[in-house]
Amino acid sequence: MTEEQSPQPESNILILDAIPIREGLLFPSTESVLSFGRKLSLNAVKNLGKNKKTVVLISQKNPQVNLPEAQDLYDVGTLAIVEKKLETDDNINALVKGISRVKILRFIATSPKLIVEVEKLTETEENAEENKALVTHLQAEFRKAVHMGKPVEFLSFMKLMGGVTNGELVDQIASTLTIKTEEKQALLETTDVTQRLKIVLAHLAHEMKVLEIEKDVVHKTQEKFDKHMRESVLRERLKTIQKELGDIDDEEEAADEYQSKLKKLKIGSEL
């Protein structure tokens, strides 16, 4: 293990390989399977061995940039452990787990891989009573959102309902939000747990409103479809009864069909 690959003893300052993320990010206390295919990323992941599994994940400001440099990356990232990796011909799929927030102090190298000097960021949690109330509210709202149809893995849901710290809870729920990368980045950069709880609650409330609207639209569409189907079935039944009674013949039925088609034609003002 080289000096560049090892944390400095008795210090929050680390020198590690870094991997740029095109879109999204990994929050601390969460796990995800990421696929790496760019040379810049592959050079860092392939360098990981049995004794070195820690990297820094940094999100890009613009996902279209293929070879990001310092100015293309955010200055707060996630310290992560690569737990497993599977190499294929073109890329590497890796199971990564977020550990903590880090501030990028400087870029030591940008080619053939990124090497950065970072400092671990410490969370602050001053108002215990307010946080307790916010956590209770967030858990209740998240449970309600899941019942409304928000897709969440069952094991993750059960873990979130108890057995985690306030910071872990809010980060794990934040990871399930359907929000833009810059909004997730803002949450990553927020070390104050109380403020983070409030932001996540606001995002979750918006998602629940969207879920409610979508559910209402689906319900109304289904009602309209059901009504149309009922009317169509009743009309067909009526025609069948009329034919059986001799009240309608094939010529009248054909005339009705042509009349229906003519009504559907759009005739312009000029011929």
Protein backbone atom coordinates (compact mmCIF):
# COMPACT_ATOMS: atom_id res chain seq x y z
CA MET A 1 0.00 0.00 0.00
CA THR A 2 1.44 3.37 -1.03
CA GLU A 3 1.27 6.64 0.83
CA GLU A 4 -1.30 7.97 -1.67
CA GLN A 5 -3.59 5.05 -0.94
CA SER A 6 -3.50 5.30 2.84
CA PRO A 7 -5.12 7.67 5.31
CA GLN A 8 -2.77 9.74 7.38
CA PRO A 9 -2.77 8.42 10.97
CA GLU A 10 -4.55 10.35 13.72
CA SER A 11 -6.14 12.73 11.21
CA ASN A 12 -9.37 13.50 9.41
CA ILE A 13 -7.33 14.29 6.30
CA LEU A 14 -7.24 11.49 3.71
CA ILE A 15 -5.51 11.05 0.37
CA LEU A 16 -7.49 8.67 -1.82
CA ASP A 17 -8.44 7.72 -5.35
CA ALA A 18 -11.64 9.39 -6.52
CA ILE A 19 -14.31 8.30 -8.97
CA PRO A 20 -16.54 10.82 -10.80
CA ILE A 21 -20.28 10.08 -10.94
CA ARG A 22 -22.11 11.36 -14.03
CA GLU A 23 -25.54 11.69 -12.43
CA GLY A 24 -26.90 11.25 -8.93
CA LEU A 25 -24.77 10.50 -5.89
CA LEU A 26 -24.30 8.07 -3.05
CA PHE A 27 -25.38 9.19 0.41
CA PRO A 28 -23.60 8.01 3.56
CA SER A 29 -25.26 4.98 5.23
CA THR A 30 -26.63 3.79 1.88
CA GLU A 31 -25.60 1.08 -0.55
CA SER A 32 -25.86 0.98 -4.32
CA VAL A 33 -24.59 -0.96 -7.32
CA LEU A 34 -22.71 1.38 -9.65
CA SER A 35 -21.42 0.66 -13.13
CA PHE A 36 -18.06 2.13 -14.15
CA GLY A 37 -16.99 2.26 -17.79
CA ARG A 38 -14.79 5.32 -18.30
CA LYS A 39 -11.03 4.87 -18.18
CA LEU A 40 -10.75 7.49 -15.45
CA SER A 41 -13.09 5.41 -13.27
CA LEU A 42 -11.77 2.00 -14.28
CA ASN A 43 -8.20 3.02 -13.41
CA ALA A 44 -9.35 3.78 -9.85
CA VAL A 45 -11.60 0.76 -9.36
CA LYS A 46 -9.07 -1.72 -10.77
CA ASN A 47 -6.52 -0.34 -8.32
CA LEU A 48 -8.63 -1.54 -5.41
CA GLY A 49 -7.38 -4.72 -3.75
CA LYS A 50 -7.96 -6.68 -0.57
CA ASN A 51 -6.28 -4.05 1.59
CA LYS A 52 -7.55 -0.99 -0.19
CA LYS A 53 -11.29 -0.65 -0.74
CA THR A 54 -11.95 2.97 0.12
CA VAL A 55 -12.58 5.63 -2.53
CA VAL A 56 -14.15 9.06 -2.81
CA LEU A 57 -17.22 9.40 -5.02
CA ILE A 58 -17.70 12.89 -6.49
CA SER A 59 -20.69 13.97 -8.56
CA GLN A 60 -20.32 15.91 -11.80
CA LYS A 61 -21.94 19.29 -12.32
CA ASN A 62 -22.58 18.42 -15.97
CA PRO A 63 -23.19 14.73 -16.85
CA GLN A 64 -22.20 15.37 -20.49
CA VAL A 65 -18.53 15.95 -19.60
CA ASN A 66 -16.66 12.74 -20.37
CA LEU A 67 -13.27 13.61 -18.86
CA PRO A 68 -14.12 15.75 -15.81
CA GLU A 69 -11.49 17.89 -14.13
CA ALA A 70 -11.57 19.76 -10.83
CA GLN A 71 -13.86 22.55 -12.07
CA ASP A 72 -16.37 20.00 -13.39
CA LEU A 73 -16.88 18.33 -10.00
CA TYR A 74 -18.58 19.34 -6.75
CA ASP A 75 -16.31 19.99 -3.80
CA VAL A 76 -18.22 17.75 -1.36
CA GLY A 77 -18.32 14.01 -2.01
CA THR A 78 -18.86 10.70 -0.25
CA LEU A 79 -16.24 8.48 1.33
CA ALA A 80 -17.23 4.96 0.26
CA ILE A 81 -16.17 1.34 0.55
CA VAL A 82 -16.25 -0.91 -2.50
CA GLU A 83 -17.61 -4.11 -0.96
CA LYS A 84 -17.79 -6.24 -4.11
CA LYS A 85 -16.95 -5.80 -7.78
CA LEU A 86 -17.61 -7.76 -10.95
CA GLU A 87 -15.52 -7.09 -14.03
CA THR A 88 -16.83 -7.55 -17.57
CA ASP A 89 -15.23 -6.79 -20.95
CA ASP A 90 -16.21 -3.11 -20.99
CA ASN A 91 -17.00 -2.10 -17.44
CA ILE A 92 -16.98 -2.93 -13.74
CA ASN A 93 -20.11 -3.28 -11.63
CA ALA A 94 -19.45 -2.57 -7.97
CA LEU A 95 -21.43 -2.71 -4.75
CA VAL A 96 -20.50 0.43 -2.84
CA LYS A 97 -21.45 1.63 0.63
CA GLY A 98 -21.36 5.26 1.69
CA ILE A 99 -19.45 6.00 4.90
CA SER A 100 -19.28 9.76 5.45
CA ARG A 101 -19.26 13.19 3.87
CA VAL A 102 -15.92 14.59 2.78
CA LYS A 103 -14.74 17.99 1.62
CA ILE A 104 -12.32 17.97 -1.31
CA LEU A 105 -9.35 20.11 -0.30
CA ARG A 106 -7.30 19.70 -3.47
CA PHE A 107 -6.79 17.51 -6.54
CA ILE A 108 -3.42 15.81 -6.43
CA ALA A 109 -3.85 14.19 -9.86
CA THR A 110 -6.48 14.19 -12.62
CA SER A 111 -4.86 11.63 -14.96
CA PRO A 112 -4.71 8.68 -15.50
CA LYS A 113 -7.00 8.67 -12.46
CA LEU A 114 -8.28 11.16 -9.93
CA ILE A 115 -6.41 11.42 -6.63
CA VAL A 116 -7.73 13.84 -4.04
CA GLU A 117 -6.97 15.13 -0.59
CA VAL A 118 -10.14 15.29 1.49
CA GLU A 119 -11.30 16.12 4.98
CA LYS A 120 -14.05 14.21 6.77
CA LEU A 121 -17.05 16.39 7.61
CA THR A 122 -18.75 16.07 11.00
CA GLU A 123 -22.53 16.25 11.41
CA THR A 124 -24.07 18.68 13.88
CA GLU A 125 -27.24 17.98 15.82
CA GLU A 126 -27.99 20.69 18.36
CA ASN A 127 -31.76 20.69 19.03
CA ALA A 128 -32.54 17.16 20.25
CA GLU A 129 -36.22 17.83 21.01
CA GLU A 130 -36.91 19.42 17.62
CA ASN A 131 -35.07 16.62 15.84
CA LYS A 132 -37.11 14.01 17.72
CA ALA A 133 -40.33 15.62 16.53
CA LEU A 134 -39.03 15.96 12.95
CA VAL A 135 -37.89 12.33 12.88
CA THR A 136 -41.28 11.08 14.09
CA HIS A 137 -43.02 13.18 11.45
CA LEU A 138 -40.63 12.05 8.71
CA GLN A 139 -41.11 8.37 9.55
CA ALA A 140 -44.90 8.78 9.51
CA GLU A 141 -44.87 10.64 6.19
CA PHE A 142 -42.47 8.15 4.62
CA ARG A 143 -44.67 5.25 5.74
CA LYS A 144 -47.67 7.03 4.21
CA ALA A 145 -45.75 7.64 0.95
CA VAL A 146 -44.88 3.94 0.69
CA HIS A 147 -48.53 3.01 1.20
CA MET A 148 -49.42 5.46 -1.58
CA GLY A 149 -47.17 3.57 -3.97
CA LYS A 150 -43.69 5.04 -3.53
CA PRO A 151 -41.29 2.25 -4.62
CA VAL A 152 -39.00 1.23 -1.74
CA GLU A 153 -37.34 -2.11 -0.99
CA PHE A 154 -39.06 -3.85 1.93
CA LEU A 155 -35.87 -4.52 3.92
CA SER A 156 -34.79 -0.90 3.51
CA PHE A 157 -38.22 0.26 4.67
CA MET A 158 -38.11 -1.90 7.80
CA LYS A 159 -34.58 -0.70 8.62
CA LEU A 160 -35.68 2.92 8.30
CA MET A 161 -38.50 2.46 10.77
CA GLY A 162 -36.05 1.87 13.62
CA GLY A 163 -32.49 1.10 14.60
CA VAL A 164 -30.75 3.98 12.81
CA THR A 165 -29.50 7.39 13.92
CA ASN A 166 -31.27 10.58 12.86
CA GLY A 167 -28.55 11.33 10.34
CA GLU A 168 -28.71 7.83 8.88
CA LEU A 169 -32.50 7.97 8.67
CA VAL A 170 -32.61 11.24 6.76
CA ASP A 171 -29.80 10.18 4.40
CA GLN A 172 -31.46 6.87 3.60
CA ILE A 173 -34.81 8.51 2.90
CA ALA A 174 -33.05 11.19 0.85
CA SER A 175 -31.58 8.43 -1.33
CA THR A 176 -35.12 7.33 -2.29
CA LEU A 177 -36.25 10.80 -3.40
CA THR A 178 -36.86 11.52 -7.08
CA ILE A 179 -34.99 14.82 -7.23
CA LYS A 180 -32.26 16.36 -9.38
CA THR A 181 -28.57 15.76 -8.73
CA GLU A 182 -28.02 19.36 -7.65
CA GLU A 183 -30.79 18.99 -5.06
CA LYS A 184 -29.24 15.78 -3.74
CA GLN A 185 -25.88 17.54 -3.69
CA ALA A 186 -27.35 20.32 -1.57
CA LEU A 187 -28.49 17.68 0.94
CA LEU A 188 -25.06 16.07 0.90
CA GLU A 189 -23.46 19.42 1.68
CA THR A 190 -25.86 20.04 4.60
CA THR A 191 -24.12 18.76 7.72
CA ASP A 192 -26.78 20.14 10.08
CA VAL A 193 -29.16 17.21 10.69
CA THR A 194 -32.08 19.45 11.69
CA GLN A 195 -31.85 21.43 8.46
CA ARG A 196 -31.50 18.23 6.45
CA LEU A 197 -34.62 16.77 8.07
CA LYS A 198 -36.62 19.85 7.10
CA ILE A 199 -35.39 19.79 3.48
CA VAL A 200 -36.13 16.07 3.06
CA LEU A 201 -39.61 16.55 4.58
CA ALA A 202 -40.31 19.29 2.03
CA HIS A 203 -39.16 17.09 -0.87
CA LEU A 204 -41.18 14.14 0.43
CA ALA A 205 -44.31 16.30 0.78
CA HIS A 206 -43.94 17.32 -2.88
CA GLU A 207 -43.54 13.70 -3.98
CA MET A 208 -46.64 12.70 -2.02
CA LYS A 209 -48.61 15.47 -3.72
CA VAL A 210 -47.48 14.15 -7.11
CA LEU A 211 -48.44 10.59 -6.10
CA GLU A 212 -51.85 11.85 -5.02
CA ILE A 213 -52.41 13.64 -8.34
CA GLU A 214 -51.25 10.60 -10.33
CA LYS A 215 -53.56 8.35 -8.34
CA ASP A 216 -56.49 10.73 -8.95
CA VAL A 217 -55.75 10.89 -12.70
CA VAL A 218 -55.58 7.08 -12.94
CA HIS A 219 -58.85 6.79 -11.00
CA LYS A 220 -60.66 9.29 -13.23
CA THR A 221 -59.27 7.70 -16.40
CA GLN A 222 -60.38 4.27 -15.20
CA GLU A 223 -63.84 5.62 -14.37
CA LYS A 224 -64.16 7.14 -17.84
CA PHE A 225 -62.95 3.92 -19.47
CA ASP A 226 -65.35 1.82 -17.38
CA LYS A 227 -68.28 4.10 -18.28
CA HIS A 228 -67.43 3.90 -21.99
CA MET A 229 -67.13 0.12 -21.78
CA ARG A 230 -70.46 -0.20 -19.97
CA GLU A 231 -72.16 1.98 -22.58
CA SER A 232 -70.62 -0.03 -25.44
CA VAL A 233 -71.70 -3.34 -23.90
CA LEU A 234 -75.24 -2.05 -23.29
CA ARG A 235 -75.51 -0.76 -26.86
CA GLU A 236 -74.40 -4.11 -28.25
CA ARG A 237 -76.84 -5.94 -25.99
CA LEU A 238 -79.66 -3.64 -27.10
CA LYS A 239 -78.87 -4.26 -30.76
CA THR A 240 -78.83 -8.02 -30.17
CA ILE A 241 -82.21 -7.89 -28.40
CA GLN A 242 -83.69 -5.72 -31.15
CA LYS A 243 -82.49 -8.14 -33.84
CA GLU A 244 -83.90 -11.10 -31.95
CA LEU A 245 -87.27 -9.30 -31.68
CA GLY A 246 -87.17 -8.30 -35.32
CA ASP A 247 -87.09 -4.56 -34.48
CA ILE A 248 -83.86 -4.05 -36.44
CA ASP A 249 -82.53 -5.68 -39.58
CA ASP A 250 -79.07 -5.94 -41.13
CA GLU A 251 -79.71 -2.95 -43.44
CA GLU A 252 -80.60 -0.70 -40.52
CA GLU A 253 -77.53 -1.91 -38.64
CA ALA A 254 -75.31 -1.11 -41.63
CA ALA A 255 -76.93 2.33 -41.92
CA ASP A 256 -76.24 2.99 -38.25
CA GLU A 257 -72.57 2.07 -38.72
CA TYR A 258 -72.18 4.40 -41.74
CA GLN A 259 -73.90 7.21 -39.85
CA SER A 260 -71.54 6.72 -36.92
CA LYS A 261 -68.53 6.86 -39.24
CA LEU A 262 -69.82 10.03 -40.94
CA LYS A 263 -70.13 11.76 -37.56
CA LYS A 264 -66.49 11.04 -36.85
CA LEU A 265 -65.29 12.57 -40.13
CA LYS A 266 -63.87 16.10 -39.85
CA ILE A 267 -65.09 18.21 -42.80
CA GLY A 268 -63.19 21.40 -43.48
CA SER A 269 -64.76 24.80 -44.15
CA GLU A 270 -63.52 24.76 -47.76
CA LEU A 271 -64.06 21.89 -50.22
